[in-house]
Amino acid sequence: MDLDEFLPKNAGDPLAALIAQDLDPLSVKELDARIAALEGEIARTRRKMQTAVTHRASAHDLFKS
């Protein structure tokens, strides 16, 4: 899997900058904090996706009848 497929094409995109960040200068404590923050963001993104799926299904059911 090539990460370039998933990266935004905009040069100033925060996700692209995050992925390109050099991790070498970070301590283990800083890396742990980064992982915790990213896991929190993943959970938030998954909740948003679930909300969108539920909303779409509700709209589909409403207009289906």
C-alpha atoms as a PDB file:
ATOM      1  CA  MET A   1       0.000   0.000   0.000  1.00  0.00           C
ATOM      2  CA  ASP A   2       1.397   3.352  -1.072  1.00  0.00           C
ATOM      3  CA  LEU A   3       0.586   6.254   1.264  1.00  0.00           C
ATOM      4  CA  ASP A   4       0.712   8.689  -1.655  1.00  0.00           C
ATOM      5  CA  GLU A   5      -2.621   7.252  -2.802  1.00  0.00           C
ATOM      6  CA  PHE A   6      -4.291   8.475   0.391  1.00  0.00           C
ATOM      7  CA  LEU A   7      -2.494  11.773   0.936  1.00  0.00           C
ATOM      8  CA  PRO A   8      -4.275  14.961  -0.027  1.00  0.00           C
ATOM      9  CA  LYS A   9      -2.832  16.661  -3.089  1.00  0.00           C
ATOM     10  CA  ASN A  10      -2.894  20.168  -1.555  1.00  0.00           C
ATOM     11  CA  ALA A  11       0.568  21.275  -0.469  1.00  0.00           C
ATOM     12  CA  GLY A  12      -0.717  23.009   2.672  1.00  0.00           C
ATOM     13  CA  ASP A  13      -2.914  20.148   3.843  1.00  0.00           C
ATOM     14  CA  PRO A  14      -2.409  19.400   7.565  1.00  0.00           C
ATOM     15  CA  LEU A  15      -2.623  15.620   7.047  1.00  0.00           C
ATOM     16  CA  ALA A  16       0.183  15.679   4.501  1.00  0.00           C
ATOM     17  CA  ALA A  17       2.290  17.817   6.856  1.00  0.00           C
ATOM     18  CA  LEU A  18       1.569  15.466   9.772  1.00  0.00           C
ATOM     19  CA  ILE A  19       2.642  12.401   7.830  1.00  0.00           C
ATOM     20  CA  ALA A  20       5.757  14.119   6.495  1.00  0.00           C
ATOM     21  CA  GLN A  21       6.894  15.220   9.969  1.00  0.00           C
ATOM     22  CA  ASP A  22      10.285  13.863  11.011  1.00  0.00           C
ATOM     23  CA  LEU A  23       9.779  11.678  14.075  1.00  0.00           C
ATOM     24  CA  ASP A  24      13.487  11.260  14.880  1.00  0.00           C
ATOM     25  CA  PRO A  25      13.748  14.259  17.243  1.00  0.00           C
ATOM     26  CA  LEU A  26      10.751  13.160  19.315  1.00  0.00           C
ATOM     27  CA  SER A  27      11.179  11.391  22.648  1.00  0.00           C
ATOM     28  CA  VAL A  28       9.314   8.235  23.582  1.00  0.00           C
ATOM     29  CA  LYS A  29       7.009  10.343  25.776  1.00  0.00           C
ATOM     30  CA  GLU A  30       6.308  12.679  22.843  1.00  0.00           C
ATOM     31  CA  LEU A  31       5.694   9.726  20.538  1.00  0.00           C
ATOM     32  CA  ASP A  32       3.258   8.237  23.075  1.00  0.00           C
ATOM     33  CA  ALA A  33       1.422  11.567  23.231  1.00  0.00           C
ATOM     34  CA  ARG A  34       1.329  11.731  19.436  1.00  0.00           C
ATOM     35  CA  ILE A  35      -0.125   8.217  19.239  1.00  0.00           C
ATOM     36  CA  ALA A  36      -2.762   9.079  21.858  1.00  0.00           C
ATOM     37  CA  ALA A  37      -3.733  12.212  19.932  1.00  0.00           C
ATOM     38  CA  LEU A  38      -3.909  10.321  16.643  1.00  0.00           C
ATOM     39  CA  GLU A  39      -5.985   7.527  18.195  1.00  0.00           C
ATOM     40  CA  GLY A  40      -8.351  10.178  19.536  1.00  0.00           C
ATOM     41  CA  GLU A  41      -8.620  11.695  16.073  1.00  0.00           C
ATOM     42  CA  ILE A  42      -9.261   8.275  14.541  1.00  0.00           C
ATOM     43  CA  ALA A  43     -12.074   7.680  17.043  1.00  0.00           C
ATOM     44  CA  ARG A  44     -13.554  11.121  16.281  1.00  0.00           C
ATOM     45  CA  THR A  45     -13.367  10.436  12.544  1.00  0.00           C
ATOM     46  CA  ARG A  46     -15.040   7.044  12.955  1.00  0.00           C
ATOM     47  CA  ARG A  47     -17.856   8.633  14.965  1.00  0.00           C
ATOM     48  CA  LYS A  48     -18.347  11.214  12.223  1.00  0.00           C
ATOM     49  CA  MET A  49     -18.417   8.483   9.584  1.00  0.00           C
ATOM     50  CA  GLN A  50     -21.000   6.522  11.574  1.00  0.00           C
ATOM     51  CA  THR A  51     -23.143   9.634  11.966  1.00  0.00           C
ATOM     52  CA  ALA A  52     -22.970  10.222   8.216  1.00  0.00           C
ATOM     53  CA  VAL A  53     -23.906   6.609   7.436  1.00  0.00           C
ATOM     54  CA  THR A  54     -26.803   6.700   9.902  1.00  0.00           C
ATOM     55  CA  HIS A  55     -28.019  10.017   8.526  1.00  0.00           C
ATOM     56  CA  ARG A  56     -27.870   8.742   4.969  1.00  0.00           C
ATOM     57  CA  ALA A  57     -29.747   5.558   5.878  1.00  0.00           C
ATOM     58  CA  SER A  58     -32.414   7.597   7.684  1.00  0.00           C
ATOM     59  CA  ALA A  59     -32.828   9.890   4.687  1.00  0.00           C
ATOM     60  CA  HIS A  60     -33.017   6.896   2.366  1.00  0.00           C
ATOM     61  CA  ASP A  61     -35.704   5.280   4.526  1.00  0.00           C
ATOM     62  CA  LEU A  62     -37.657   8.544   4.739  1.00  0.00           C
ATOM     63  CA  PHE A  63     -37.776   9.066   0.976  1.00  0.00           C
ATOM     64  CA  LYS A  64     -38.107   5.371   0.109  1.00  0.00           C
ATOM     65  CA  SER A  65     -41.771   5.218   1.056  1.00  0.00           C
END
